[in-house]
C-alpha atoms as a PDB file:
ATOM      1  CA  MET A   1     -14.442  31.436  -4.905  1.00  0.00           C
ATOM      2  CA  SER A   2     -17.371  28.876  -6.036  1.00  0.00           C
ATOM      3  CA  LYS A   3     -19.420  27.830  -2.982  1.00  0.00           C
ATOM      4  CA  ALA A   4     -17.687  24.726  -3.082  1.00  0.00           C
ATOM      5  CA  GLU A   5     -14.496  26.002  -2.308  1.00  0.00           C
ATOM      6  CA  ASN A   6     -15.470  27.659   0.498  1.00  0.00           C
ATOM      7  CA  ASN A   7     -15.938  24.307   1.999  1.00  0.00           C
ATOM      8  CA  THR A   8     -12.837  21.747   0.850  1.00  0.00           C
ATOM      9  CA  LYS A   9     -10.682  19.845   2.936  1.00  0.00           C
ATOM     10  CA  LYS A  10      -7.205  18.843   2.796  1.00  0.00           C
ATOM     11  CA  PHE A  11      -6.243  15.901   1.148  1.00  0.00           C
ATOM     12  CA  PRO A  12      -4.100  13.153   2.735  1.00  0.00           C
ATOM     13  CA  ALA A  13      -0.749  11.790   1.080  1.00  0.00           C
ATOM     14  CA  VAL A  14      -2.531   8.451   0.125  1.00  0.00           C
ATOM     15  CA  ALA A  15      -6.032   7.880  -0.638  1.00  0.00           C
ATOM     16  CA  LEU A  16      -7.682   4.345  -0.391  1.00  0.00           C
ATOM     17  CA  GLY A  17      -9.922   2.571  -2.983  1.00  0.00           C
ATOM     18  CA  THR A  18     -12.852   0.474  -2.381  1.00  0.00           C
ATOM     19  CA  TRP A  19     -13.320  -1.486  -6.053  1.00  0.00           C
ATOM     20  CA  SER A  20     -12.921  -4.757  -4.224  1.00  0.00           C
ATOM     21  CA  TRP A  21     -15.455  -4.099  -1.584  1.00  0.00           C
ATOM     22  CA  GLY A  22     -18.610  -5.921  -2.160  1.00  0.00           C
ATOM     23  CA  VAL A  23     -19.966  -8.199  -4.995  1.00  0.00           C
ATOM     24  CA  GLY A  24     -22.026  -8.025  -8.225  1.00  0.00           C
ATOM     25  CA  ALA A  25     -21.582  -6.228 -11.564  1.00  0.00           C
ATOM     26  CA  VAL A  26     -18.090  -4.970 -12.056  1.00  0.00           C
ATOM     27  CA  GLY A  27     -17.660  -5.585  -7.919  1.00  0.00           C
ATOM     28  CA  GLY A  28     -15.011  -7.223  -5.654  1.00  0.00           C
ATOM     29  CA  ASP A  29     -15.529 -11.204  -6.140  1.00  0.00           C
ATOM     30  CA  GLN A  30     -16.113 -10.172 -10.275  1.00  0.00           C
ATOM     31  CA  VAL A  31     -12.600  -8.434 -11.021  1.00  0.00           C
ATOM     32  CA  PHE A  32     -10.697  -9.237  -7.861  1.00  0.00           C
ATOM     33  CA  GLY A  33     -11.845 -12.953  -6.602  1.00  0.00           C
ATOM     34  CA  ASN A  34     -13.217 -11.075  -3.283  1.00  0.00           C
ATOM     35  CA  HIS A  35     -15.956 -11.793  -0.821  1.00  0.00           C
ATOM     36  CA  LEU A  36     -15.986  -8.846   1.463  1.00  0.00           C
ATOM     37  CA  GLY A  37     -18.654  -7.590   3.530  1.00  0.00           C
ATOM     38  CA  THR A  38     -19.110  -5.084   6.318  1.00  0.00           C
ATOM     39  CA  ASP A  39     -17.501  -7.764   8.716  1.00  0.00           C
ATOM     40  CA  GLU A  40     -14.506  -8.209   6.849  1.00  0.00           C
ATOM     41  CA  LEU A  41     -13.652  -4.554   6.137  1.00  0.00           C
ATOM     42  CA  LYS A  42     -15.204  -2.460   9.066  1.00  0.00           C
ATOM     43  CA  PRO A  43     -11.458  -3.172  10.938  1.00  0.00           C
ATOM     44  CA  VAL A  44     -10.151  -1.891   7.869  1.00  0.00           C
ATOM     45  CA  PHE A  45     -11.800   1.490   7.933  1.00  0.00           C
ATOM     46  CA  GLU A  46     -11.146   1.822  11.442  1.00  0.00           C
ATOM     47  CA  ARG A  47      -7.392   1.101  11.018  1.00  0.00           C
ATOM     48  CA  ALA A  48      -7.629   3.643   8.514  1.00  0.00           C
ATOM     49  CA  MET A  49      -8.874   6.806  10.722  1.00  0.00           C
ATOM     50  CA  GLU A  50      -6.948   5.763  13.294  1.00  0.00           C
ATOM     51  CA  GLU A  51      -3.775   6.491  10.811  1.00  0.00           C
ATOM     52  CA  GLY A  52      -5.680  10.021   9.592  1.00  0.00           C
ATOM     53  CA  LEU A  53      -6.431   8.165   6.050  1.00  0.00           C
ATOM     54  CA  ASN A  54      -9.643   9.289   5.555  1.00  0.00           C
ATOM     55  CA  LEU A  55     -10.248  10.093   1.884  1.00  0.00           C
ATOM     56  CA  TRP A  56     -12.328   7.175   0.592  1.00  0.00           C
ATOM     57  CA  ASP A  57     -12.814   6.624  -3.232  1.00  0.00           C
ATOM     58  CA  SER A  58     -15.932   4.477  -4.850  1.00  0.00           C
ATOM     59  CA  ALA A  59     -18.102   4.625  -7.709  1.00  0.00           C
ATOM     60  CA  VAL A  60     -21.681   3.894  -8.202  1.00  0.00           C
ATOM     61  CA  VAL A  61     -20.391   0.929 -10.526  1.00  0.00           C
ATOM     62  CA  TYR A  62     -18.414  -0.700  -7.910  1.00  0.00           C
ATOM     63  CA  GLY A  63     -20.566  -3.416  -7.717  1.00  0.00           C
ATOM     64  CA  MET A  64     -23.793  -1.331  -8.762  1.00  0.00           C
ATOM     65  CA  GLY A  65     -23.762   0.621  -5.479  1.00  0.00           C
ATOM     66  CA  ALA A  66     -22.616  -2.364  -3.213  1.00  0.00           C
ATOM     67  CA  SER A  67     -19.201  -0.940  -2.668  1.00  0.00           C
ATOM     68  CA  GLU A  68     -20.820   2.450  -1.846  1.00  0.00           C
ATOM     69  CA  GLU A  69     -23.087   1.338   0.574  1.00  0.00           C
ATOM     70  CA  ILE A  70     -20.270  -0.593   2.718  1.00  0.00           C
ATOM     71  CA  LEU A  71     -18.373   2.591   2.855  1.00  0.00           C
ATOM     72  CA  GLY A  72     -21.604   4.330   3.735  1.00  0.00           C
ATOM     73  CA  ASN A  73     -22.168   2.217   6.644  1.00  0.00           C
ATOM     74  CA  PHE A  74     -19.427   2.921   8.089  1.00  0.00           C
ATOM     75  CA  THR A  75     -18.504   6.611   6.937  1.00  0.00           C
ATOM     76  CA  LYS A  76     -22.053   7.575   8.562  1.00  0.00           C
ATOM     77  CA  ASP A  77     -21.017   7.135  11.949  1.00  0.00           C
ATOM     78  CA  TYR A  78     -17.991   9.293  11.747  1.00  0.00           C
ATOM     79  CA  PRO A  79     -18.267  13.121  12.026  1.00  0.00           C
ATOM     80  CA  ARG A  80     -19.024  14.470   8.370  1.00  0.00           C
ATOM     81  CA  GLU A  81     -15.645  17.130   8.491  1.00  0.00           C
ATOM     82  CA  ASN A  82     -13.856  14.161   9.449  1.00  0.00           C
ATOM     83  CA  VAL A  83     -14.230  12.416   6.398  1.00  0.00           C
ATOM     84  CA  ILE A  84     -13.641  12.743   2.580  1.00  0.00           C
ATOM     85  CA  ILE A  85     -15.885  11.045   0.636  1.00  0.00           C
ATOM     86  CA  SER A  86     -15.000  10.820  -3.208  1.00  0.00           C
ATOM     87  CA  THR A  87     -17.224   8.891  -5.721  1.00  0.00           C
ATOM     88  CA  LYS A  88     -18.260   8.794  -9.725  1.00  0.00           C
ATOM     89  CA  PHE A  89     -20.872   9.161 -11.619  1.00  0.00           C
ATOM     90  CA  THR A  90     -19.707   6.772 -14.955  1.00  0.00           C
ATOM     91  CA  PRO A  91     -21.569   7.792 -18.430  1.00  0.00           C
ATOM     92  CA  GLN A  92     -22.251   4.141 -19.260  1.00  0.00           C
ATOM     93  CA  ILE A  93     -24.444   3.443 -16.906  1.00  0.00           C
ATOM     94  CA  ALA A  94     -26.815   6.846 -17.002  1.00  0.00           C
ATOM     95  CA  GLY A  95     -29.810   6.674 -16.911  1.00  0.00           C
ATOM     96  CA  ASP A  96     -32.396   8.260 -19.306  1.00  0.00           C
ATOM     97  CA  GLY A  97     -33.959  11.172 -17.245  1.00  0.00           C
ATOM     98  CA  ALA A  98     -33.353  14.642 -17.761  1.00  0.00           C
ATOM     99  CA  ASP A  99     -30.368  15.244 -15.521  1.00  0.00           C
ATOM    100  CA  PRO A 100     -28.815  11.896 -15.491  1.00  0.00           C
ATOM    101  CA  VAL A 101     -25.997  13.252 -13.171  1.00  0.00           C
ATOM    102  CA  ALA A 102     -27.830  14.131 -10.583  1.00  0.00           C
ATOM    103  CA  GLU A 103     -30.070  11.333 -10.345  1.00  0.00           C
ATOM    104  CA  MET A 104     -26.497   9.504  -9.462  1.00  0.00           C
ATOM    105  CA  CYS A 105     -25.116  11.714  -7.357  1.00  0.00           C
ATOM    106  CA  ASP A 106     -28.478  11.274  -5.767  1.00  0.00           C
ATOM    107  CA  SER A 107     -27.955   7.947  -5.620  1.00  0.00           C
ATOM    108  CA  SER A 108     -24.712   7.860  -3.821  1.00  0.00           C
ATOM    109  CA  LEU A 109     -25.703  10.185  -1.498  1.00  0.00           C
ATOM    110  CA  GLN A 110     -28.899   8.380  -0.221  1.00  0.00           C
ATOM    111  CA  ARG A 111     -26.123   5.028   0.020  1.00  0.00           C
ATOM    112  CA  PHE A 112     -23.631   7.142   1.896  1.00  0.00           C
ATOM    113  CA  HIS A 113     -26.194   8.828   4.574  1.00  0.00           C
ATOM    114  CA  ALA A 114     -24.890  12.645   3.132  1.00  0.00           C
ATOM    115  CA  ASP A 115     -25.600  15.426   2.048  1.00  0.00           C
ATOM    116  CA  TYR A 116     -22.437  16.211   0.325  1.00  0.00           C
ATOM    117  CA  ILE A 117     -19.972  14.403  -1.363  1.00  0.00           C
ATOM    118  CA  ASP A 118     -16.407  15.920  -1.205  1.00  0.00           C
ATOM    119  CA  ILE A 119     -15.151  15.162  -4.575  1.00  0.00           C
ATOM    120  CA  TYR A 120     -17.469  14.016  -7.396  1.00  0.00           C
ATOM    121  CA  TRP A 121     -15.633  12.472 -10.712  1.00  0.00           C
ATOM    122  CA  ILE A 122     -16.900  11.719 -14.272  1.00  0.00           C
ATOM    123  CA  HIS A 123     -15.538   8.422 -14.323  1.00  0.00           C
ATOM    124  CA  ASN A 124     -15.471   7.758 -17.757  1.00  0.00           C
ATOM    125  CA  PRO A 125     -14.931  10.743 -21.027  1.00  0.00           C
ATOM    126  CA  ALA A 126     -17.793   8.817 -22.921  1.00  0.00           C
ATOM    127  CA  ASP A 127     -18.901  12.220 -23.829  1.00  0.00           C
ATOM    128  CA  VAL A 128     -17.084  15.880 -22.363  1.00  0.00           C
ATOM    129  CA  GLU A 129     -19.557  17.901 -23.915  1.00  0.00           C
ATOM    130  CA  THR A 130     -22.767  16.056 -22.805  1.00  0.00           C
ATOM    131  CA  TRP A 131     -21.777  15.276 -19.190  1.00  0.00           C
ATOM    132  CA  THR A 132     -18.940  17.887 -17.644  1.00  0.00           C
ATOM    133  CA  PRO A 133     -22.239  20.641 -17.703  1.00  0.00           C
ATOM    134  CA  PHE A 134     -24.163  18.494 -15.342  1.00  0.00           C
ATOM    135  CA  LEU A 135     -21.229  18.948 -12.506  1.00  0.00           C
ATOM    136  CA  ALA A 136     -22.002  22.538 -12.777  1.00  0.00           C
ATOM    137  CA  PRO A 137     -25.886  22.733 -11.045  1.00  0.00           C
ATOM    138  CA  LEU A 138     -24.413  19.897  -7.922  1.00  0.00           C
ATOM    139  CA  VAL A 139     -21.784  22.361  -6.991  1.00  0.00           C
ATOM    140  CA  LYS A 140     -23.885  25.398  -6.827  1.00  0.00           C
ATOM    141  CA  SER A 141     -25.931  23.724  -5.165  1.00  0.00           C
ATOM    142  CA  GLY A 142     -23.444  21.997  -1.908  1.00  0.00           C
ATOM    143  CA  LYS A 143     -24.431  18.433  -3.292  1.00  0.00           C
ATOM    144  CA  VAL A 144     -20.297  18.443  -4.434  1.00  0.00           C
ATOM    145  CA  LYS A 145     -17.676  20.070  -2.881  1.00  0.00           C
ATOM    146  CA  GLN A 146     -15.170  19.482  -5.861  1.00  0.00           C
ATOM    147  CA  VAL A 147     -15.341  18.119  -8.965  1.00  0.00           C
ATOM    148  CA  GLY A 148     -13.004  15.818 -10.762  1.00  0.00           C
ATOM    149  CA  VAL A 149     -12.350  13.972 -14.496  1.00  0.00           C
ATOM    150  CA  SER A 150     -10.919  10.192 -14.495  1.00  0.00           C
ATOM    151  CA  ASN A 151      -9.784   8.459 -17.057  1.00  0.00           C
ATOM    152  CA  HIS A 152      -9.630  11.463 -19.369  1.00  0.00           C
ATOM    153  CA  ASN A 153      -7.198  12.440 -21.885  1.00  0.00           C
ATOM    154  CA  LEU A 154      -5.196  16.111 -21.691  1.00  0.00           C
ATOM    155  CA  ALA A 155      -7.643  17.664 -24.069  1.00  0.00           C
ATOM    156  CA  GLN A 156     -10.507  16.609 -22.421  1.00  0.00           C
ATOM    157  CA  ILE A 157      -9.405  17.358 -19.074  1.00  0.00           C
ATOM    158  CA  LYS A 158      -8.742  21.062 -20.717  1.00  0.00           C
ATOM    159  CA  ARG A 159     -11.898  21.369 -22.503  1.00  0.00           C
ATOM    160  CA  ALA A 160     -13.565  19.972 -18.945  1.00  0.00           C
ATOM    161  CA  GLU A 161     -11.767  23.083 -17.486  1.00  0.00           C
ATOM    162  CA  GLU A 162     -13.233  25.463 -19.888  1.00  0.00           C
ATOM    163  CA  ILE A 163     -16.848  24.056 -19.581  1.00  0.00           C
ATOM    164  CA  LEU A 164     -16.539  24.333 -15.932  1.00  0.00           C
ATOM    165  CA  ALA A 165     -14.897  27.798 -15.955  1.00  0.00           C
ATOM    166  CA  LYS A 166     -18.273  28.958 -17.618  1.00  0.00           C
ATOM    167  CA  ASP A 167     -19.974  29.008 -13.960  1.00  0.00           C
ATOM    168  CA  GLY A 168     -17.073  29.974 -12.137  1.00  0.00           C
ATOM    169  CA  ILE A 169     -15.835  26.264 -10.942  1.00  0.00           C
ATOM    170  CA  ARG A 170     -12.439  25.310 -10.746  1.00  0.00           C
ATOM    171  CA  LEU A 171     -11.217  21.513 -11.666  1.00  0.00           C
ATOM    172  CA  ALA A 172     -10.194  20.451  -8.773  1.00  0.00           C
ATOM    173  CA  ALA A 173      -8.624  16.358  -9.212  1.00  0.00           C
ATOM    174  CA  VAL A 174      -7.775  14.196 -12.166  1.00  0.00           C
ATOM    175  CA  GLN A 175      -7.700  10.378 -11.433  1.00  0.00           C
ATOM    176  CA  ASN A 176      -6.306   7.907 -14.403  1.00  0.00           C
ATOM    177  CA  HIS A 177      -4.376   4.741 -14.230  1.00  0.00           C
ATOM    178  CA  TYR A 178      -1.066   5.582 -13.330  1.00  0.00           C
ATOM    179  CA  SER A 179       2.280   2.890 -12.123  1.00  0.00           C
ATOM    180  CA  LEU A 180       5.620   2.103 -12.204  1.00  0.00           C
ATOM    181  CA  LEU A 181       4.236   0.080 -15.510  1.00  0.00           C
ATOM    182  CA  TYR A 182       1.629   2.566 -17.096  1.00  0.00           C
ATOM    183  CA  ARG A 183       3.481   6.255 -17.407  1.00  0.00           C
ATOM    184  CA  SER A 184       0.935   7.061 -20.114  1.00  0.00           C
ATOM    185  CA  SER A 185      -0.512   9.982 -18.244  1.00  0.00           C
ATOM    186  CA  GLU A 186       2.863  11.122 -17.348  1.00  0.00           C
ATOM    187  CA  ARG A 187       4.401  10.811 -21.318  1.00  0.00           C
ATOM    188  CA  ALA A 188       0.673  12.620 -22.088  1.00  0.00           C
ATOM    189  CA  GLY A 189       1.865  15.567 -20.191  1.00  0.00           C
ATOM    190  CA  ILE A 190      -0.556  15.185 -17.667  1.00  0.00           C
ATOM    191  CA  LEU A 191       1.065  14.899 -14.774  1.00  0.00           C
ATOM    192  CA  ASP A 192       2.950  17.823 -15.937  1.00  0.00           C
ATOM    193  CA  TYR A 193       0.058  20.311 -16.687  1.00  0.00           C
ATOM    194  CA  CYS A 194      -2.179  18.896 -13.023  1.00  0.00           C
ATOM    195  CA  LYS A 195       1.292  20.143 -11.156  1.00  0.00           C
ATOM    196  CA  GLU A 196       1.438  23.785 -13.083  1.00  0.00           C
ATOM    197  CA  LYS A 197      -1.953  23.948 -12.420  1.00  0.00           C
ATOM    198  CA  GLY A 198      -2.414  23.078  -8.891  1.00  0.00           C
ATOM    199  CA  ILE A 199      -4.966  20.128  -9.526  1.00  0.00           C
ATOM    200  CA  ALA A 200      -4.518  17.138  -7.448  1.00  0.00           C
ATOM    201  CA  PHE A 201      -3.211  14.120  -9.361  1.00  0.00           C
ATOM    202  CA  PHE A 202      -4.534  10.509  -7.885  1.00  0.00           C
ATOM    203  CA  ALA A 203      -2.423   7.398  -9.092  1.00  0.00           C
ATOM    204  CA  TYR A 204      -5.325   4.258  -9.164  1.00  0.00           C
ATOM    205  CA  MET A 205      -3.331   0.925  -9.702  1.00  0.00           C
ATOM    206  CA  VAL A 206      -0.717   1.883  -8.719  1.00  0.00           C
ATOM    207  CA  LEU A 207      -0.117  -1.572  -7.128  1.00  0.00           C
ATOM    208  CA  GLU A 208      -1.639  -2.971 -10.542  1.00  0.00           C
ATOM    209  CA  GLN A 209      -3.747  -5.123  -8.824  1.00  0.00           C
ATOM    210  CA  GLY A 210      -1.772  -6.855  -6.505  1.00  0.00           C
ATOM    211  CA  ALA A 211       0.878  -7.406  -9.686  1.00  0.00           C
ATOM    212  CA  LEU A 212       3.033  -5.072  -7.965  1.00  0.00           C
ATOM    213  CA  SER A 213       2.620  -5.647  -4.432  1.00  0.00           C
ATOM    214  CA  GLY A 214       5.461  -8.508  -4.106  1.00  0.00           C
ATOM    215  CA  LYS A 215       2.436 -11.062  -2.928  1.00  0.00           C
ATOM    216  CA  TYR A 216       2.627 -12.855  -5.887  1.00  0.00           C
ATOM    217  CA  GLY A 217       4.439 -14.300  -8.712  1.00  0.00           C
ATOM    218  CA  THR A 218       4.659 -17.613 -10.974  1.00  0.00           C
ATOM    219  CA  ALA A 219       5.290 -19.571  -7.844  1.00  0.00           C
ATOM    220  CA  HIS A 220       2.317 -17.745  -6.211  1.00  0.00           C
ATOM    221  CA  PRO A 221      -0.245 -16.195  -8.975  1.00  0.00           C
ATOM    222  CA  LEU A 222      -2.942 -14.439  -8.887  1.00  0.00           C
ATOM    223  CA  PRO A 223      -6.509 -16.615  -7.732  1.00  0.00           C
ATOM    224  CA  ALA A 224      -8.103 -17.932 -10.734  1.00  0.00           C
ATOM    225  CA  GLY A 225     -11.046 -17.088 -11.353  1.00  0.00           C
ATOM    226  CA  SER A 226     -10.959 -13.428 -11.453  1.00  0.00           C
ATOM    227  CA  GLN A 227     -10.468 -10.619 -14.073  1.00  0.00           C
ATOM    228  CA  ARG A 228      -7.341  -9.426 -12.575  1.00  0.00           C
ATOM    229  CA  ALA A 229      -5.987 -13.090 -12.357  1.00  0.00           C
ATOM    230  CA  GLU A 230      -6.346 -13.531 -16.215  1.00  0.00           C
ATOM    231  CA  THR A 231      -5.282  -9.889 -16.767  1.00  0.00           C
ATOM    232  CA  TYR A 232      -1.801 -10.090 -15.028  1.00  0.00           C
ATOM    233  CA  ASN A 233      -0.509 -13.765 -14.410  1.00  0.00           C
ATOM    234  CA  PRO A 234      -0.075 -14.285 -17.601  1.00  0.00           C
ATOM    235  CA  ILE A 235       2.808 -11.346 -17.558  1.00  0.00           C
ATOM    236  CA  LEU A 236       4.039 -12.170 -14.278  1.00  0.00           C
ATOM    237  CA  PRO A 237       7.004 -14.293 -15.377  1.00  0.00           C
ATOM    238  CA  GLN A 238       7.892 -10.203 -17.207  1.00  0.00           C
ATOM    239  CA  LEU A 239       7.669  -8.761 -13.702  1.00  0.00           C
ATOM    240  CA  GLU A 240      10.220 -10.692 -12.018  1.00  0.00           C
ATOM    241  CA  VAL A 241      13.262  -8.867 -12.252  1.00  0.00           C
ATOM    242  CA  LEU A 242      11.514  -5.622 -11.284  1.00  0.00           C
ATOM    243  CA  THR A 243       9.799  -7.189  -8.452  1.00  0.00           C
ATOM    244  CA  GLU A 244      12.888  -8.270  -7.010  1.00  0.00           C
ATOM    245  CA  GLU A 245      14.788  -5.742  -7.017  1.00  0.00           C
ATOM    246  CA  MET A 246      11.507  -3.301  -5.397  1.00  0.00           C
ATOM    247  CA  ARG A 247      11.690  -6.738  -2.548  1.00  0.00           C
ATOM    248  CA  ALA A 248      15.762  -5.783  -2.599  1.00  0.00           C
ATOM    249  CA  MET A 249      15.200  -1.799  -2.084  1.00  0.00           C
ATOM    250  CA  GLY A 250      12.009  -2.562   0.362  1.00  0.00           C
ATOM    251  CA  ALA A 251      14.814  -4.448   2.264  1.00  0.00           C
ATOM    252  CA  GLU A 252      16.938  -1.821   2.384  1.00  0.00           C
ATOM    253  CA  HIS A 253      14.365   0.738   3.480  1.00  0.00           C
ATOM    254  CA  ASN A 254      13.320  -1.897   5.901  1.00  0.00           C
ATOM    255  CA  GLU A 255       9.888  -1.637   3.814  1.00  0.00           C
ATOM    256  CA  SER A 256       7.838  -4.263   1.511  1.00  0.00           C
ATOM    257  CA  VAL A 257       7.503  -4.592  -1.811  1.00  0.00           C
ATOM    258  CA  SER A 258       4.213  -2.275  -2.160  1.00  0.00           C
ATOM    259  CA  GLN A 259       5.458   0.824  -0.128  1.00  0.00           C
ATOM    260  CA  ILE A 260       8.153   1.265  -2.832  1.00  0.00           C
ATOM    261  CA  ALA A 261       5.965   1.248  -5.334  1.00  0.00           C
ATOM    262  CA  MET A 262       3.339   3.877  -3.709  1.00  0.00           C
ATOM    263  CA  ALA A 263       6.619   5.654  -2.301  1.00  0.00           C
ATOM    264  CA  TRP A 264       7.629   6.226  -6.049  1.00  0.00           C
ATOM    265  CA  ALA A 265       4.261   7.495  -6.716  1.00  0.00           C
ATOM    266  CA  VAL A 266       4.362  10.134  -4.321  1.00  0.00           C
ATOM    267  CA  ALA A 267       7.630  11.186  -5.241  1.00  0.00           C
ATOM    268  CA  LYS A 268       6.146  11.563  -8.715  1.00  0.00           C
ATOM    269  CA  GLY A 269       3.404  13.892  -7.353  1.00  0.00           C
ATOM    270  CA  ALA A 270       0.665  11.773  -7.511  1.00  0.00           C
ATOM    271  CA  ILE A 271      -1.477  11.080  -4.887  1.00  0.00           C
ATOM    272  CA  PRO A 272      -1.633   6.709  -5.056  1.00  0.00           C
ATOM    273  CA  LEU A 273      -5.054   5.317  -4.681  1.00  0.00           C
ATOM    274  CA  ILE A 274      -4.481   2.075  -3.037  1.00  0.00           C
ATOM    275  CA  GLY A 275      -7.382  -0.521  -2.865  1.00  0.00           C
ATOM    276  CA  VAL A 276      -7.366  -2.017   0.831  1.00  0.00           C
ATOM    277  CA  THR A 277      -8.848  -4.957   1.937  1.00  0.00           C
ATOM    278  CA  LYS A 278      -7.184  -5.765   4.825  1.00  0.00           C
ATOM    279  CA  PRO A 279      -5.582  -3.100   8.141  1.00  0.00           C
ATOM    280  CA  SER A 280      -2.441  -4.240   7.466  1.00  0.00           C
ATOM    281  CA  HIS A 281      -3.143  -2.874   3.770  1.00  0.00           C
ATOM    282  CA  VAL A 282      -3.700   0.535   5.688  1.00  0.00           C
ATOM    283  CA  THR A 283      -0.871   0.729   7.711  1.00  0.00           C
ATOM    284  CA  GLU A 284       1.654  -0.259   5.010  1.00  0.00           C
ATOM    285  CA  ALA A 285      -0.357   2.741   3.165  1.00  0.00           C
ATOM    286  CA  ALA A 286       0.349   5.200   5.654  1.00  0.00           C
ATOM    287  CA  ALA A 287       4.367   4.258   5.916  1.00  0.00           C
ATOM    288  CA  ALA A 288       4.450   4.684   1.694  1.00  0.00           C
ATOM    289  CA  ALA A 289       4.481   8.215   2.175  1.00  0.00           C
ATOM    290  CA  LYS A 290       7.070   8.904   4.007  1.00  0.00           C
ATOM    291  CA  ILE A 291       9.593   7.009   2.104  1.00  0.00           C
ATOM    292  CA  GLN A 292      12.560   8.737   0.515  1.00  0.00           C
ATOM    293  CA  LEU A 293      13.322   6.945  -2.660  1.00  0.00           C
ATOM    294  CA  SER A 294      16.755   9.034  -4.600  1.00  0.00           C
ATOM    295  CA  ALA A 295      17.246   9.739  -7.494  1.00  0.00           C
ATOM    296  CA  ALA A 296      19.163   6.317  -8.353  1.00  0.00           C
ATOM    297  CA  GLU A 297      16.378   4.402  -6.922  1.00  0.00           C
ATOM    298  CA  MET A 298      13.729   5.818  -8.932  1.00  0.00           C
ATOM    299  CA  GLU A 299      15.669   5.793 -12.184  1.00  0.00           C
ATOM    300  CA  LYS A 300      16.485   2.139 -11.766  1.00  0.00           C
ATOM    301  CA  LEU A 301      13.098   1.289 -10.859  1.00  0.00           C
ATOM    302  CA  GLU A 302      11.435   3.116 -14.050  1.00  0.00           C
ATOM    303  CA  ALA A 303      14.426   1.385 -16.120  1.00  0.00           C
ATOM    304  CA  LEU A 304      13.612  -2.121 -15.198  1.00  0.00           C
ATOM    305  CA  ALA A 305       9.469  -1.074 -15.514  1.00  0.00           C
ATOM    306  CA  ALA A 306      10.291  -0.327 -19.187  1.00  0.00           C
ATOM    307  CA  ALA A 307      12.008  -3.728 -19.439  1.00  0.00           C
ATOM    308  CA  ALA A 308       9.431  -5.643 -18.684  1.00  0.00           C
ATOM    309  CA  GLY A 309       7.604  -4.667 -21.721  1.00  0.00           C
ATOM    310  CA  VAL A 310       4.270  -5.019 -20.849  1.00  0.00           C
ATOM    311  CA  ASP A 311       0.938  -2.836 -21.579  1.00  0.00           C
ATOM    312  CA  THR A 312      -1.630  -3.151 -18.721  1.00  0.00           C
ATOM    313  CA  ARG A 313      -3.952  -0.507 -20.085  1.00  0.00           C
ATOM    314  CA  GLY A 314      -7.259  -1.339 -18.911  1.00  0.00           C
ATOM    315  CA  SER A 315     -10.025  -2.403 -21.696  1.00  0.00           C
ATOM    316  CA  TRP A 316     -12.231   0.244 -20.129  1.00  0.00           C
ATOM    317  CA  GLU A 317      -8.826   3.196 -20.713  1.00  0.00           C
ATOM    318  CA  ASN A 318      -8.427   4.715 -23.589  1.00  0.00           C
ATOM    319  CA  PRO A 319      -4.751   5.925 -24.374  1.00  0.00           C
ATOM    320  CA  MET A 320      -3.931   8.781 -23.302  1.00  0.00           C
ATOM    321  CA  GLU A 321      -1.062   9.606 -25.640  1.00  0.00           C
ATOM    322  CA  GLN A 322      -2.515  11.069 -28.671  1.00  0.00           C
END
């Protein structure tokens, strides 16, 4: 057993994302049309900790440190053992030093006022052979407890495992875009592989940046001036049959459209990674993990999602299916 695995924490059923926190390049203002800072977000963090949702996911690239900085100002006030901090090395913004991964990790540790990160990810594959080996020294030093890969296809996941195994390190988690509208990781066999190997599968964009939240539709499009509005507003008409069924299904369970989308992901064996900007989002996420959808309900949702005929793969994502 590696040093990291002697001190790991149990993951909650739902993880919370902070991509939409803060402003700056690839930050909450540009992608989501938000302008959220410490004052607005502190009640969100506090509600989550009260609900037992203590896994917080960020990345240096989210606002170029802005998201981490806000989150770090909250996590530092809690006992370190009570919080699970998840953040990422993004190859596309790597420096040119001798160890760019360690440099980026150290910058994250400073923003989190912490001496270790619970899950550290290679954000995008770029070059598995180049970047994966840099994780091993971080684990051995204790700066990182567990490692994961994000936006990797199955071949890249397996190669990362092989590289890490040479240093006795286990790949703990995979984080990919996965939703009712985008099931590429499932079709590619990644979900089944993760189940077989005991690797946690984190599903981000389960709500497709709000398009599957029930809040938006042709009559109420996403706020103009953001990347998500440009992406999703044109396809909202194609989603209406699906979201109306989700609304009806939610009414039967006394739950919301968002909670149906999350419950579907939980039923598929994923840990939904939900972006939260209001305390109510946290409350919804906590309750969603307890919803039990029937096989018939799952089948109906998947059929309507397929019939929508949309492709929501992000511009930063490579296809999962080879």
